[in-house]
C-alpha cells in the first residue's frame, strides 16, 4: 500500500513538473535569471535540471498534502 501511495504522489507531480518546466522556460531564458542579484554561473542544461527538480519537489509536497487530507481519521491516528 505504501508503494501505491508513493506512486499516487510522485507520478502526478512528475507530470506537473514537466508541464511547469515547459511553460516557465517558454517565456524565460535561463541566462536571464539572477540569484540574490548575482548571475547564475550555470549552463542552461543545469538550470533546466535544477528547476525541474525544484518544480517536482513542490508538486510532490502538494500531492502529499492532498493524499494526507484524503485519509480517514482512523488511518491518520494509527
N, C-alpha and C. Protein backbone atom coordinates (compact mmCIF):
# COMPACT_ATOMS: atom_id res chain seq x y z
N UNK A 1 0.83 -1.20 0.00
CA UNK A 1 0.00 0.00 0.00
C UNK A 1 0.87 1.26 0.00
N UNK A 2 2.01 1.20 0.68
CA UNK A 2 2.90 2.36 0.73
C UNK A 2 3.45 2.68 -0.65
N UNK A 3 3.82 1.64 -1.41
CA UNK A 3 4.34 1.86 -2.77
C UNK A 3 3.27 2.47 -3.66
N UNK A 4 2.05 2.03 -3.51
CA UNK A 4 0.96 2.58 -4.32
C UNK A 4 0.72 4.05 -3.96
N UNK A 5 0.73 4.36 -2.69
CA UNK A 5 0.54 5.74 -2.26
C UNK A 5 1.69 6.62 -2.74
N UNK A 6 2.91 6.08 -2.72
CA UNK A 6 4.09 6.80 -3.21
C UNK A 6 3.91 7.14 -4.69
N UNK A 7 3.40 6.20 -5.47
CA UNK A 7 3.16 6.45 -6.89
C UNK A 7 2.04 7.48 -7.09
N UNK A 8 1.04 7.47 -6.23
CA UNK A 8 -0.02 8.47 -6.31
C UNK A 8 0.53 9.87 -6.12
N UNK A 9 1.60 9.98 -5.37
CA UNK A 9 2.21 11.28 -5.09
C UNK A 9 3.22 11.67 -6.17
N UNK A 10 4.12 10.75 -6.53
CA UNK A 10 5.24 11.11 -7.40
C UNK A 10 4.87 11.23 -8.87
N UNK A 11 4.00 10.35 -9.37
CA UNK A 11 3.71 10.36 -10.80
C UNK A 11 2.97 11.64 -11.24
N UNK A 12 1.87 12.04 -10.59
CA UNK A 12 1.25 13.31 -10.99
C UNK A 12 2.19 14.50 -10.80
N UNK A 13 3.00 14.46 -9.74
CA UNK A 13 3.95 15.55 -9.50
C UNK A 13 4.98 15.62 -10.62
N UNK A 14 5.42 14.47 -11.12
CA UNK A 14 6.36 14.43 -12.24
C UNK A 14 5.75 15.07 -13.48
N UNK A 15 4.50 14.74 -13.77
CA UNK A 15 3.83 15.31 -14.94
C UNK A 15 3.66 16.82 -14.80
N UNK A 16 3.29 17.28 -13.62
CA UNK A 16 3.12 18.72 -13.38
C UNK A 16 4.47 19.43 -13.49
N UNK A 17 5.52 18.82 -12.96
CA UNK A 17 6.86 19.43 -13.05
C UNK A 17 7.29 19.57 -14.50
N UNK A 18 7.02 18.56 -15.31
CA UNK A 18 7.34 18.66 -16.74
C UNK A 18 6.57 19.77 -17.42
N UNK A 19 5.30 19.88 -17.10
CA UNK A 19 4.48 20.95 -17.68
C UNK A 19 4.96 22.32 -17.24
N UNK A 20 5.26 22.48 -15.96
CA UNK A 20 5.78 23.75 -15.46
C UNK A 20 7.10 24.12 -16.12
N UNK A 21 7.96 23.12 -16.31
CA UNK A 21 9.25 23.35 -16.97
C UNK A 21 9.04 23.93 -18.37
N UNK A 22 8.13 23.33 -19.11
CA UNK A 22 7.86 23.80 -20.47
C UNK A 22 7.27 25.21 -20.44
N UNK A 23 6.31 25.44 -19.56
CA UNK A 23 5.66 26.75 -19.51
C UNK A 23 6.60 27.86 -19.06
N UNK A 24 7.38 27.61 -18.02
CA UNK A 24 8.27 28.64 -17.49
C UNK A 24 9.36 28.98 -18.50
N UNK A 25 10.01 27.96 -19.04
CA UNK A 25 11.14 28.23 -19.91
C UNK A 25 10.74 28.53 -21.36
N UNK A 26 9.45 28.52 -21.64
CA UNK A 26 8.98 29.04 -22.92
C UNK A 26 9.05 30.57 -22.91
N UNK A 27 9.01 31.16 -21.71
CA UNK A 27 9.00 32.61 -21.58
C UNK A 27 10.25 33.18 -20.92
N UNK A 28 11.05 32.34 -20.26
CA UNK A 28 12.21 32.81 -19.51
C UNK A 28 13.47 32.15 -20.05
N UNK A 29 14.46 32.98 -20.36
CA UNK A 29 15.77 32.45 -20.76
C UNK A 29 16.56 32.17 -19.48
N UNK A 30 17.08 30.96 -19.32
CA UNK A 30 17.80 30.63 -18.09
C UNK A 30 18.97 31.56 -17.79
N UNK A 31 19.59 32.12 -18.80
CA UNK A 31 20.72 33.01 -18.55
C UNK A 31 20.28 34.41 -18.11
N UNK A 32 18.99 34.69 -18.14
CA UNK A 32 18.48 35.96 -17.63
C UNK A 32 18.14 35.89 -16.15
N UNK A 33 18.24 34.72 -15.55
CA UNK A 33 17.90 34.54 -14.15
C UNK A 33 19.04 35.01 -13.25
N UNK A 34 18.66 35.55 -12.08
CA UNK A 34 19.63 36.01 -11.10
C UNK A 34 19.27 35.41 -9.75
N UNK A 35 20.28 35.18 -8.91
CA UNK A 35 20.09 34.65 -7.57
C UNK A 35 20.70 35.64 -6.59
N UNK A 36 19.87 36.31 -5.82
CA UNK A 36 20.30 37.35 -4.88
C UNK A 36 21.15 38.41 -5.58
N UNK A 37 20.71 38.81 -6.76
CA UNK A 37 21.38 39.86 -7.50
C UNK A 37 22.61 39.42 -8.29
N UNK A 38 22.98 38.17 -8.19
CA UNK A 38 24.16 37.64 -8.90
C UNK A 38 23.70 36.76 -10.07
N UNK A 39 24.47 36.82 -11.16
CA UNK A 39 24.18 35.94 -12.28
C UNK A 39 24.42 34.49 -11.86
N UNK A 40 23.62 33.60 -12.43
CA UNK A 40 23.83 32.18 -12.19
C UNK A 40 24.92 31.70 -13.14
N UNK A 41 26.00 31.21 -12.59
CA UNK A 41 27.11 30.73 -13.42
C UNK A 41 26.94 29.24 -13.71
N UNK A 42 25.80 28.90 -14.27
CA UNK A 42 25.49 27.52 -14.61
C UNK A 42 25.10 27.44 -16.08
N UNK A 43 25.26 26.28 -16.66
CA UNK A 43 24.83 26.09 -18.03
C UNK A 43 23.30 26.08 -18.10
N UNK A 44 22.76 26.26 -19.28
CA UNK A 44 21.31 26.21 -19.46
C UNK A 44 20.77 24.86 -19.00
N UNK A 45 21.46 23.80 -19.37
CA UNK A 45 21.01 22.46 -19.01
C UNK A 45 20.98 22.27 -17.49
N UNK A 46 21.96 22.80 -16.79
CA UNK A 46 21.98 22.71 -15.33
C UNK A 46 20.81 23.47 -14.72
N UNK A 47 20.50 24.63 -15.25
CA UNK A 47 19.37 25.42 -14.75
C UNK A 47 18.06 24.70 -15.03
N UNK A 48 17.91 24.13 -16.23
CA UNK A 48 16.72 23.36 -16.55
C UNK A 48 16.56 22.19 -15.58
N UNK A 49 17.66 21.50 -15.30
CA UNK A 49 17.61 20.34 -14.42
C UNK A 49 17.25 20.74 -12.99
N UNK A 50 17.91 21.77 -12.46
CA UNK A 50 17.62 22.22 -11.10
C UNK A 50 16.18 22.72 -10.98
N UNK A 51 15.72 23.44 -11.99
CA UNK A 51 14.35 23.94 -11.96
C UNK A 51 13.35 22.79 -12.00
N UNK A 52 13.63 21.78 -12.83
CA UNK A 52 12.72 20.63 -12.91
C UNK A 52 12.61 19.96 -11.55
N UNK A 53 13.73 19.71 -10.89
CA UNK A 53 13.68 19.05 -9.59
C UNK A 53 13.01 19.93 -8.54
N UNK A 54 13.21 21.23 -8.61
CA UNK A 54 12.51 22.13 -7.68
C UNK A 54 11.00 22.09 -7.92
N UNK A 55 10.59 22.13 -9.18
CA UNK A 55 9.16 22.03 -9.50
C UNK A 55 8.60 20.69 -9.04
N UNK A 56 9.38 19.61 -9.23
CA UNK A 56 8.93 18.28 -8.86
C UNK A 56 8.73 18.17 -7.35
N UNK A 57 9.68 18.70 -6.59
CA UNK A 57 9.56 18.65 -5.13
C UNK A 57 8.34 19.44 -4.66
N UNK A 58 8.13 20.62 -5.21
CA UNK A 58 6.97 21.42 -4.83
C UNK A 58 5.66 20.72 -5.18
N UNK A 59 5.62 20.10 -6.34
CA UNK A 59 4.41 19.37 -6.75
C UNK A 59 4.21 18.12 -5.88
N UNK A 60 5.30 17.47 -5.47
CA UNK A 60 5.18 16.31 -4.58
C UNK A 60 4.64 16.72 -3.21
N UNK A 61 5.08 17.86 -2.71
CA UNK A 61 4.56 18.36 -1.43
C UNK A 61 3.06 18.60 -1.55
N UNK A 62 2.64 19.19 -2.65
CA UNK A 62 1.22 19.42 -2.87
C UNK A 62 0.45 18.11 -2.96
N UNK A 63 0.97 17.16 -3.71
CA UNK A 63 0.30 15.86 -3.85
C UNK A 63 0.27 15.11 -2.52
N UNK A 64 1.35 15.18 -1.76
CA UNK A 64 1.40 14.51 -0.46
C UNK A 64 0.39 15.12 0.50
N UNK A 65 0.25 16.42 0.46
CA UNK A 65 -0.74 17.08 1.31
C UNK A 65 -2.15 16.65 0.92
N UNK A 66 -2.41 16.54 -0.37
CA UNK A 66 -3.71 16.07 -0.84
C UNK A 66 -3.95 14.64 -0.38
N UNK A 67 -2.94 13.78 -0.49
CA UNK A 67 -3.08 12.39 -0.04
C UNK A 67 -3.32 12.33 1.47
N UNK A 68 -2.63 13.16 2.23
CA UNK A 68 -2.82 13.20 3.68
C UNK A 68 -4.23 13.65 4.04
N UNK A 69 -4.70 14.67 3.36
CA UNK A 69 -6.05 15.17 3.65
C UNK A 69 -7.13 14.19 3.22
N UNK A 70 -6.80 13.26 2.32
CA UNK A 70 -7.76 12.26 1.88
C UNK A 70 -7.85 11.05 2.79
N UNK A 71 -6.97 10.95 3.80
CA UNK A 71 -7.00 9.83 4.73
C UNK A 71 -8.12 10.01 5.74
N UNK A 72 -8.66 8.88 6.18
CA UNK A 72 -9.67 8.95 7.24
C UNK A 72 -8.97 9.21 8.57
N UNK A 73 -9.73 9.59 9.58
CA UNK A 73 -9.13 9.87 10.88
C UNK A 73 -8.54 8.60 11.48
N UNK A 74 -9.11 7.45 11.21
CA UNK A 74 -8.57 6.18 11.73
C UNK A 74 -7.20 5.90 11.12
N UNK A 75 -7.02 6.19 9.83
CA UNK A 75 -5.73 5.97 9.17
C UNK A 75 -4.68 6.94 9.68
N UNK A 76 -5.07 8.15 9.94
CA UNK A 76 -4.12 9.16 10.43
C UNK A 76 -3.67 8.84 11.85
N UNK A 77 -4.57 8.38 12.68
CA UNK A 77 -4.29 8.18 14.11
C UNK A 77 -3.69 6.81 14.45
N UNK A 78 -3.46 5.96 13.46
CA UNK A 78 -2.87 4.65 13.83
C UNK A 78 -1.38 4.71 13.86
